[in-house]
């Protein structure tokens, strides 16, 4: 008989997840998307300030 997988806690956000690898990829994507958005906003503000 196969044992059911126990949810694991994410070391970053402490959420319980059945698939930690997928959850970690989601974190990586989230951090990337936030960094891109911050970079775009900074460039937009610099362009607006140069006027």
Protein backbone atom coordinates (compact mmCIF):
# COMPACT_ATOMS: atom_id res chain seq x y z
CA UNK A 1 0.00 0.00 0.00
CA UNK A 2 1.34 3.39 -1.01
CA UNK A 3 1.58 6.13 1.61
CA UNK A 4 -0.09 9.40 0.67
CA UNK A 5 2.25 12.33 0.21
CA UNK A 6 2.23 14.73 3.12
CA UNK A 7 2.04 18.42 2.25
CA UNK A 8 5.35 20.22 2.75
CA UNK A 9 5.75 23.75 4.06
CA UNK A 10 7.38 26.24 1.74
CA UNK A 11 10.53 27.65 3.38
CA UNK A 12 9.78 31.10 1.91
CA UNK A 13 6.12 31.62 2.74
CA UNK A 14 5.32 28.64 5.00
CA UNK A 15 2.34 27.64 2.82
CA UNK A 16 1.57 23.94 2.74
CA UNK A 17 1.89 22.42 -0.72
CA UNK A 18 1.75 18.94 -2.21
CA UNK A 19 4.22 19.90 -4.97
CA UNK A 20 7.03 21.96 -3.50
CA UNK A 21 9.01 22.12 -6.77
CA UNK A 22 6.06 23.69 -8.62
CA UNK A 23 5.42 26.07 -5.74
CA UNK A 24 9.09 27.19 -5.77
CA UNK A 25 8.88 27.84 -9.54
CA UNK A 26 5.79 29.97 -8.86
CA UNK A 27 7.81 31.98 -6.30
CA UNK A 28 10.63 32.48 -8.81
CA UNK A 29 8.18 33.69 -11.46
CA UNK A 30 6.48 36.02 -8.98
CA UNK A 31 9.80 37.59 -7.94
CA UNK A 32 10.80 37.98 -11.60
CA UNK A 33 7.50 39.64 -12.54
CA UNK A 34 7.75 42.05 -9.59
CA UNK A 35 11.34 42.98 -10.52
CA UNK A 36 10.31 43.67 -14.13
CA UNK A 37 7.36 45.81 -13.00
CA UNK A 38 9.57 47.82 -10.61
CA UNK A 39 12.16 48.36 -13.34
CA UNK A 40 9.49 49.57 -15.79
CA UNK A 41 8.02 51.93 -13.20
CA UNK A 42 11.45 53.36 -12.36
CA UNK A 43 12.16 53.98 -16.06
CA UNK A 44 8.74 55.59 -16.50
CA UNK A 45 9.37 57.92 -13.55
CA UNK A 46 12.84 58.83 -14.80
CA UNK A 47 11.40 59.67 -18.23
CA UNK A 48 8.62 61.77 -16.67
CA UNK A 49 11.14 63.62 -14.49
CA UNK A 50 13.35 64.47 -17.47
CA UNK A 51 10.59 66.55 -19.07
